[in-house]
Protein backbone atom coordinates (compact mmCIF):
# COMPACT_ATOMS: atom_id res chain seq x y z
CA UNK A 1 -53.15 23.78 -19.88
CA UNK A 2 -51.87 20.14 -19.25
CA UNK A 3 -53.66 17.70 -21.26
CA UNK A 4 -53.70 13.92 -20.71
CA UNK A 5 -55.18 11.97 -23.81
CA UNK A 6 -55.37 8.13 -24.10
CA UNK A 7 -55.87 7.39 -27.67
CA UNK A 8 -54.96 4.65 -30.43
CA UNK A 9 -51.76 5.72 -31.75
CA UNK A 10 -49.38 8.90 -32.59
CA UNK A 11 -46.62 7.10 -33.34
CA UNK A 12 -47.52 5.30 -36.19
CA UNK A 13 -48.90 6.88 -39.48
CA UNK A 14 -49.40 3.02 -40.63
CA UNK A 15 -53.15 2.75 -41.67
CA UNK A 16 -53.82 5.39 -39.76
CA UNK A 17 -54.22 8.90 -41.15
CA UNK A 18 -54.99 10.45 -38.10
CA UNK A 19 -51.72 10.31 -36.64
CA UNK A 20 -50.69 13.03 -38.81
CA UNK A 21 -53.17 15.28 -37.91
CA UNK A 22 -52.32 14.57 -34.11
CA UNK A 23 -48.83 15.52 -34.82
CA UNK A 24 -49.69 19.08 -35.99
CA UNK A 25 -52.04 19.71 -33.07
CA UNK A 26 -49.74 18.58 -30.75
CA UNK A 27 -47.01 20.61 -31.77
CA UNK A 28 -49.44 23.43 -32.18
CA UNK A 29 -50.56 23.02 -28.57
CA UNK A 30 -47.03 22.70 -27.55
CA UNK A 31 -46.42 26.40 -29.11
CA UNK A 32 -49.32 27.74 -27.52
CA UNK A 33 -47.83 26.93 -24.04
CA UNK A 34 -49.79 23.78 -23.67
CA UNK A 35 -48.48 20.14 -22.35
CA UNK A 36 -49.33 17.28 -23.85
CA UNK A 37 -49.12 13.90 -22.38
CA UNK A 38 -50.26 10.70 -24.81
CA UNK A 39 -50.88 7.37 -23.58
CA UNK A 40 -50.57 4.76 -26.25
CA UNK A 41 -50.58 0.75 -26.18
CA UNK A 42 -47.49 -0.20 -27.76
CA UNK A 43 -48.57 -2.99 -30.15
CA UNK A 44 -46.74 -5.00 -32.57
CA UNK A 45 -48.49 -3.60 -35.51
CA UNK A 46 -47.85 0.13 -34.97
CA UNK A 47 -44.45 -0.77 -33.62
CA UNK A 48 -43.43 -2.57 -36.80
CA UNK A 49 -44.23 0.80 -38.47
CA UNK A 50 -43.44 3.20 -36.11
CA UNK A 51 -42.34 7.03 -37.36
CA UNK A 52 -42.46 8.73 -34.58
CA UNK A 53 -40.58 9.14 -30.83
CA UNK A 54 -41.23 11.70 -29.26
CA UNK A 55 -43.75 14.65 -29.36
CA UNK A 56 -42.32 18.00 -28.99
CA UNK A 57 -43.06 19.93 -25.97
CA UNK A 58 -44.47 16.70 -24.67
CA UNK A 59 -44.85 13.06 -23.63
CA UNK A 60 -45.05 9.95 -25.68
CA UNK A 61 -45.87 7.34 -23.17
CA UNK A 62 -45.92 3.64 -24.92
CA UNK A 63 -47.10 0.83 -22.79
CA UNK A 64 -47.58 -3.16 -23.06
CA UNK A 65 -50.20 -3.91 -20.53
CA UNK A 66 -52.79 -1.09 -18.54
CA UNK A 67 -51.79 -2.05 -15.28
CA UNK A 68 -47.80 -1.51 -16.00
CA UNK A 69 -48.95 2.04 -16.65
CA UNK A 70 -51.94 2.83 -14.51
CA UNK A 71 -49.51 4.36 -11.91
CA UNK A 72 -48.34 6.92 -14.16
CA UNK A 73 -51.37 7.41 -15.80
CA UNK A 74 -52.64 8.15 -12.55
CA UNK A 75 -49.79 10.42 -11.81
CA UNK A 76 -49.99 12.23 -14.75
CA UNK A 77 -54.04 12.92 -14.23
CA UNK A 78 -53.38 14.36 -10.87
CA UNK A 79 -52.69 17.63 -11.98
CA UNK A 80 -54.07 17.84 -15.30
CA UNK A 81 -56.54 20.32 -16.46
CA UNK A 82 -58.07 17.91 -19.33
CA UNK A 83 -58.38 13.94 -19.62
CA UNK A 84 -59.36 12.66 -22.94
CA UNK A 85 -60.00 9.54 -24.41
CA UNK A 86 -60.68 8.78 -27.89
CA UNK A 87 -62.02 6.41 -30.37
CA UNK A 88 -60.08 3.04 -31.49
CA UNK A 89 -58.41 3.73 -27.92
CA UNK A 90 -57.79 -0.39 -27.14
CA UNK A 91 -57.71 0.59 -23.23
CA UNK A 92 -60.88 3.23 -23.92
CA UNK A 93 -62.87 1.45 -20.93
CA UNK A 94 -60.45 1.70 -18.24
CA UNK A 95 -58.74 4.92 -19.29
CA UNK A 96 -62.59 6.60 -19.13
CA UNK A 97 -62.73 5.11 -15.21
CA UNK A 98 -59.51 6.93 -14.73
CA UNK A 99 -60.16 10.08 -15.86
CA UNK A 100 -63.94 10.12 -14.38
CA UNK A 101 -62.28 8.87 -11.30
CA UNK A 102 -59.42 11.73 -11.20
CA UNK A 103 -61.65 14.71 -12.34
CA UNK A 104 -59.92 17.07 -14.67
CA UNK A 105 -62.09 18.23 -17.10
CA UNK A 106 -62.96 14.78 -19.38
CA UNK A 107 -63.26 14.55 -22.55
CA UNK A 108 -63.95 11.81 -25.48
CA UNK A 109 -63.08 12.89 -29.00
CA UNK A 110 -64.74 10.59 -31.64
CA UNK A 111 -62.16 10.65 -34.66
CA UNK A 112 -64.71 8.58 -36.85
CA UNK A 113 -68.55 9.20 -35.71
CA UNK A 114 -69.96 7.90 -38.32
CA UNK A 115 -68.44 4.96 -38.33
CA UNK A 116 -68.98 4.18 -34.55
CA UNK A 117 -72.74 4.69 -35.31
CA UNK A 118 -72.20 2.01 -38.35
CA UNK A 119 -71.25 -0.04 -35.49
CA UNK A 120 -73.46 0.03 -33.16
CA UNK A 121 -76.30 -0.08 -35.59
CA UNK A 122 -74.80 -3.45 -37.09
CA UNK A 123 -75.13 -4.73 -33.24
CA UNK A 124 -71.23 -4.71 -33.43
CA UNK A 125 -69.26 -4.53 -30.08
CA UNK A 126 -67.83 -0.99 -29.82
CA UNK A 127 -64.71 -1.66 -27.46
CA UNK A 128 -64.10 2.08 -26.72
CA UNK A 129 -68.00 2.98 -25.62
CA UNK A 130 -69.60 1.54 -22.17
CA UNK A 131 -73.43 1.12 -21.05
CA UNK A 132 -73.33 4.64 -20.29
CA UNK A 133 -72.78 5.75 -23.33
CA UNK A 134 -70.77 9.32 -23.58
CA UNK A 135 -73.36 10.84 -20.69
CA UNK A 136 -70.47 10.93 -17.78
CA UNK A 137 -68.31 13.17 -20.07
CA UNK A 138 -68.19 16.88 -19.79
CA UNK A 139 -67.72 17.35 -23.54
CA UNK A 140 -67.45 15.08 -26.37
CA UNK A 141 -65.65 16.58 -29.61
CA UNK A 142 -66.17 14.88 -32.97
CA UNK A 143 -63.92 14.85 -36.26
CA UNK A 144 -67.33 15.33 -38.21
CA UNK A 145 -69.91 17.97 -37.65
CA UNK A 146 -73.52 18.47 -38.80
CA UNK A 147 -75.75 15.14 -38.06
CA UNK A 148 -72.91 13.51 -35.96
CA UNK A 149 -73.18 16.22 -33.38
CA UNK A 150 -77.09 15.52 -32.86
CA UNK A 151 -76.50 11.66 -32.86
CA UNK A 152 -73.96 12.09 -30.36
CA UNK A 153 -76.21 13.86 -27.98
CA UNK A 154 -79.38 12.22 -28.77
CA UNK A 155 -78.37 8.46 -28.94
CA UNK A 156 -75.04 8.51 -26.71
CA UNK A 157 -76.17 10.84 -24.23
CA UNK A 158 -73.42 13.77 -24.91
CA UNK A 159 -73.73 16.76 -22.46
CA UNK A 160 -72.10 18.87 -25.09
CA UNK A 161 -70.93 17.65 -28.79
CA UNK A 162 -68.64 20.29 -30.96
CA UNK A 163 -66.67 19.66 -33.66
CA UNK A 164 -62.99 19.63 -33.88
CA UNK A 165 -62.25 18.75 -37.72
CA UNK A 166 -58.72 17.62 -38.83
CA UNK A 167 -55.82 20.27 -39.92
CA UNK A 168 -52.87 20.48 -41.66
CA UNK A 169 -49.35 21.83 -40.17
CA UNK A 170 -48.37 24.10 -43.14
CA UNK A 171 -44.56 23.74 -41.83
CA UNK A 172 -44.98 20.13 -42.70
CA UNK A 173 -46.99 20.12 -45.95
CA UNK A 174 -46.12 22.53 -48.53
CA UNK A 175 -45.23 22.36 -52.45
CA UNK A 176 -41.62 20.88 -52.91
CA UNK A 177 -39.78 19.44 -55.63
CA UNK A 178 -41.39 16.49 -57.62
CA UNK A 179 -39.74 12.94 -57.56
CA UNK A 180 -39.86 10.65 -60.86
CA UNK A 181 -41.20 7.71 -59.31
CA UNK A 182 -43.94 9.31 -57.51
CA UNK A 183 -45.03 11.13 -60.94
CA UNK A 184 -48.94 10.70 -61.94
CA UNK A 185 -51.76 12.07 -63.87
CA UNK A 186 -53.91 11.09 -61.01
CA UNK A 187 -52.70 9.49 -57.47
CA UNK A 188 -54.87 8.33 -54.40
CA UNK A 189 -53.59 7.93 -50.83
CA UNK A 190 -56.23 5.81 -48.82
CA UNK A 191 -55.65 2.78 -46.98
CA UNK A 192 -57.76 -0.27 -48.32
CA UNK A 193 -61.45 0.02 -47.30
CA UNK A 194 -64.11 -2.57 -48.73
CA UNK A 195 -66.90 0.14 -48.35
CA UNK A 196 -64.66 2.67 -50.66
CA UNK A 197 -63.94 0.44 -53.25
CA UNK A 198 -67.36 0.99 -55.62
CA UNK A 199 -66.34 4.97 -55.30
CA UNK A 200 -62.47 4.26 -56.41
CA UNK A 201 -63.53 2.01 -59.15
CA UNK A 202 -65.52 4.43 -60.90
CA UNK A 203 -63.50 7.41 -59.98
CA UNK A 204 -59.89 6.08 -60.26
CA UNK A 205 -59.70 2.44 -61.90
CA UNK A 206 -62.10 2.99 -64.83
CA UNK A 207 -60.48 6.18 -65.57
CA UNK A 208 -57.13 4.07 -65.48
CA UNK A 209 -58.59 2.07 -68.03
CA UNK A 210 -59.91 4.18 -70.16
CA UNK A 211 -56.62 6.57 -70.27
CA UNK A 212 -53.57 3.94 -70.80
CA UNK A 213 -51.27 6.45 -71.95
CA UNK A 214 -51.90 8.43 -68.29
CA UNK A 215 -50.01 7.14 -65.20
CA UNK A 216 -51.95 6.61 -62.52
CA UNK A 217 -50.21 6.18 -58.59
CA UNK A 218 -52.11 4.44 -55.67
CA UNK A 219 -50.60 4.33 -52.17
CA UNK A 220 -51.76 2.61 -49.02
CA UNK A 221 -52.05 -0.35 -46.73
CA UNK A 222 -53.97 -3.50 -46.78
CA UNK A 223 -54.61 -3.73 -50.87
CA UNK A 224 -55.43 -7.22 -51.71
CA UNK A 225 -53.42 -8.88 -54.44
CA UNK A 226 -56.66 -9.14 -56.66
CA UNK A 227 -57.71 -5.21 -56.96
CA UNK A 228 -57.73 -4.89 -60.76
CA UNK A 229 -54.15 -3.65 -61.41
CA UNK A 230 -53.40 -2.15 -64.64
CA UNK A 231 -50.01 -1.46 -66.74
CA UNK A 232 -50.36 2.20 -65.83
CA UNK A 233 -51.42 1.81 -62.42
CA UNK A 234 -48.23 1.98 -60.11
CA UNK A 235 -48.83 0.85 -56.35
CA UNK A 236 -46.67 1.88 -53.40
CA UNK A 237 -47.28 0.32 -50.28
CA UNK A 238 -46.81 3.03 -47.84
CA UNK A 239 -45.62 6.40 -47.82
CA UNK A 240 -44.53 7.59 -44.70
CA UNK A 241 -46.28 11.16 -43.90
CA UNK A 242 -42.58 13.28 -44.48
CA UNK A 243 -42.96 11.78 -47.92
CA UNK A 244 -46.64 12.89 -48.54
CA UNK A 245 -45.61 16.91 -49.97
CA UNK A 246 -43.45 14.74 -52.47
CA UNK A 247 -46.19 12.86 -53.45
CA UNK A 248 -48.98 15.53 -53.89
CA UNK A 249 -46.15 17.56 -55.33
CA UNK A 250 -45.82 14.93 -57.99
CA UNK A 251 -49.05 14.63 -58.92
CA UNK A 252 -51.09 17.02 -61.32
CA UNK A 253 -54.17 15.78 -59.65
CA UNK A 254 -54.69 13.72 -56.45
CA UNK A 255 -58.28 11.74 -55.73
CA UNK A 256 -60.08 11.91 -52.25
CA UNK A 257 -62.62 9.28 -51.42
CA UNK A 258 -64.59 9.73 -48.64
CA UNK A 259 -65.59 6.14 -46.56
CA UNK A 260 -69.59 5.18 -46.92
CA UNK A 261 -70.68 5.98 -43.62
CA UNK A 262 -68.45 9.39 -43.51
CA UNK A 263 -70.32 10.66 -46.35
CA UNK A 264 -73.66 9.74 -45.66
CA UNK A 265 -73.65 11.79 -42.52
CA UNK A 266 -71.50 14.58 -44.32
CA UNK A 267 -69.29 17.52 -42.88
CA UNK A 268 -66.32 14.93 -42.75
CA UNK A 269 -63.15 16.57 -44.23
CA UNK A 270 -60.56 14.37 -44.55
CA UNK A 271 -56.84 15.51 -42.95
CA UNK A 272 -55.61 14.31 -46.60
CA UNK A 273 -57.96 16.63 -48.13
CA UNK A 274 -56.13 19.61 -46.26
CA UNK A 275 -52.73 17.75 -46.51
CA UNK A 276 -53.27 17.85 -50.37
CA UNK A 277 -54.84 21.18 -50.51
CA UNK A 278 -51.52 22.90 -48.08
CA UNK A 279 -49.45 20.85 -50.69
CA UNK A 280 -50.73 23.10 -53.70
CA UNK A 281 -52.20 20.07 -55.64
CA UNK A 282 -55.59 20.14 -57.42
CA UNK A 283 -58.03 17.65 -55.99
CA UNK A 284 -60.64 15.70 -56.81
CA UNK A 285 -63.14 14.21 -54.49
CA UNK A 286 -66.18 12.56 -53.95
CA UNK A 287 -69.35 14.61 -52.65
CA UNK A 288 -70.91 14.70 -49.44
CA UNK A 289 -73.22 16.96 -47.33
CA UNK A 290 -71.07 19.81 -45.92
CA UNK A 291 -68.38 20.12 -48.28
CA UNK A 292 -68.98 23.57 -49.66
CA UNK A 293 -68.40 24.66 -46.08
CA UNK A 294 -64.63 23.53 -46.58
CA UNK A 295 -64.11 24.45 -50.26
CA UNK A 296 -65.62 25.57 -52.78
CA UNK A 297 -67.33 23.54 -55.35
CA UNK A 298 -65.49 23.98 -59.15
CA UNK A 299 -63.36 26.94 -57.75
CA UNK A 300 -61.24 25.44 -55.01
CA UNK A 301 -61.98 21.48 -55.64
CA UNK A 302 -63.19 19.68 -58.03
CA UNK A 303 -66.48 17.23 -57.29
CA UNK A 304 -66.52 13.78 -59.56
CA UNK A 305 -69.72 11.68 -59.05
CA UNK A 306 -69.03 9.51 -62.25
CA UNK A 307 -65.99 8.40 -64.15
CA UNK A 308 -66.97 11.10 -66.69
CA UNK A 309 -66.49 13.70 -64.11
CA UNK A 310 -62.56 12.54 -63.92
CA UNK A 311 -61.97 12.83 -67.62
CA UNK A 312 -63.08 16.05 -67.79
CA UNK A 313 -61.14 17.33 -64.67
CA UNK A 314 -57.93 15.65 -66.41
CA UNK A 315 -58.65 17.32 -69.55
CA UNK A 316 -58.26 20.74 -68.11
CA UNK A 317 -55.18 22.65 -68.48
CA UNK A 318 -52.21 23.28 -66.23
CA UNK A 319 -53.30 27.02 -66.11
CA UNK A 320 -57.35 25.75 -64.91
CA UNK A 321 -55.75 23.40 -62.55
CA UNK A 322 -53.10 25.39 -60.94
CA UNK A 323 -55.67 28.38 -60.25
CA UNK A 324 -58.07 25.98 -58.49
CA UNK A 325 -55.41 24.25 -55.95
CA UNK A 326 -53.93 27.99 -55.37
CA UNK A 327 -57.15 29.05 -53.88
CA UNK A 328 -57.74 25.87 -52.08
CA UNK A 329 -54.44 26.51 -50.81
CA UNK A 330 -54.63 29.73 -49.53
CA UNK A 331 -58.13 28.78 -47.67
CA UNK A 332 -56.42 26.01 -46.07
CA UNK A 333 -53.36 27.42 -44.49
CA UNK A 334 -55.81 30.49 -43.26
CA UNK A 335 -58.92 28.01 -42.31
CA UNK A 336 -57.48 24.68 -41.59
CA UNK A 337 -53.98 24.77 -40.21
CA UNK A 338 -52.72 23.19 -37.02
CA UNK A 339 -52.47 26.49 -35.22
CA UNK A 340 -55.70 27.67 -35.80
CA UNK A 341 -57.31 24.38 -34.77
CA UNK A 342 -55.60 24.61 -31.40
CA UNK A 343 -56.74 27.58 -30.69
CA UNK A 344 -60.18 26.38 -31.50
CA UNK A 345 -59.66 23.57 -28.83
CA UNK A 346 -58.38 25.72 -26.61
CA UNK A 347 -61.03 28.25 -26.97
CA UNK A 348 -63.78 25.18 -26.45
CA UNK A 349 -61.83 23.53 -23.52
CA UNK A 350 -61.85 27.19 -21.97
CA UNK A 351 -65.46 27.64 -22.46
CA UNK A 352 -66.28 24.20 -20.84
CA UNK A 353 -63.99 24.54 -17.74
CA UNK A 354 -65.16 28.00 -17.42
CA UNK A 355 -69.05 26.89 -17.38
CA UNK A 356 -67.90 24.41 -14.80
CA UNK A 357 -65.85 26.80 -12.30
CA UNK A 358 -69.57 28.67 -12.66
CA UNK A 359 -71.31 25.67 -11.62
CA UNK A 360 -69.28 24.39 -8.78
CA UNK A 361 -67.06 27.39 -7.56
CA UNK A 362 -63.50 26.55 -9.23
CA UNK A 363 -61.28 28.34 -11.34
CA UNK A 364 -61.52 28.30 -14.95
CA UNK A 365 -58.23 26.13 -15.11
CA UNK A 366 -55.09 25.73 -12.94
CA UNK A 367 -52.94 28.16 -15.31
CA UNK A 368 -55.78 30.77 -14.44
CA UNK A 369 -55.67 30.09 -10.68
CA UNK A 370 -51.99 30.52 -10.63
CA UNK A 371 -52.42 33.72 -12.60
CA UNK A 372 -50.37 32.05 -15.51
CA UNK A 373 -50.97 32.04 -19.40
């Protein structure tokens, strides 16, 4: 199967956790014999922090202007099985028009569906969704499930809305040797977001104030100078994806904090939840509807609603934390690995292609028509 994707970025993980998920998924798809071509506008922000230059088994197309790459995009779509446009794609509307004209299976993938609805509800311009909503796509995928899928169909006209959650590549994310400079009793990786700040205050900054003898570490981009820094709070501005396992493996516990809009709609596991679990690190998280579908609270993950919950988690013995982390790692590798997610995507796409072929009398896919796997 040939997939042509128009997205935000796969080449830079700077302030962008989705890049790592894309890399694992594309690698897994290539291993299953599929070809992925990813079109990404080459903007200075990501170019200055680029940490991937090619897609194994696929092709990364960087372009500075849509008109310069239009001919190549048309050519790649001409024999594609799937044309996909993602949320945050800076050329989302013209890419959508091109995909619909080329007539492969048309797919929209929203990587932050609750945030999309939050922007629409606020009256803000959402540059990747046009006046027709999503009704012209054959399939809409969402990084979140639950209510998000209902809203995509009800409010944006999606014909089919299906969850395709984040994932992790266990070949990349696994336990490694600890590094002293990353050592922490509690760590947190995440780009600064104002709507996460109240939760971060209660679950990270206040515990750091109360436990001055403990070491806390925060890593991420766009943090303001006035943040509440403490002597026992250490900051790393950016940790490239290859270094994430070292940070997690150097953390006694790591914290996950969910964006407000995501937590409200639920069924929203971040890729970093899976990364940390795959690295064998005990996870402390805020809660949201559907969390129990991915991790069993108390057995595979520790839920924190207030500061005292964090203090209680940090008071657990190493053996207790190790048991929780071990159970989470087993579950994530089995259920949320990139290879498993690639199979799920393959099944979803084949199902829609089969449905379309029944309706219009065309083969399930070009590979099926040629008798190839």
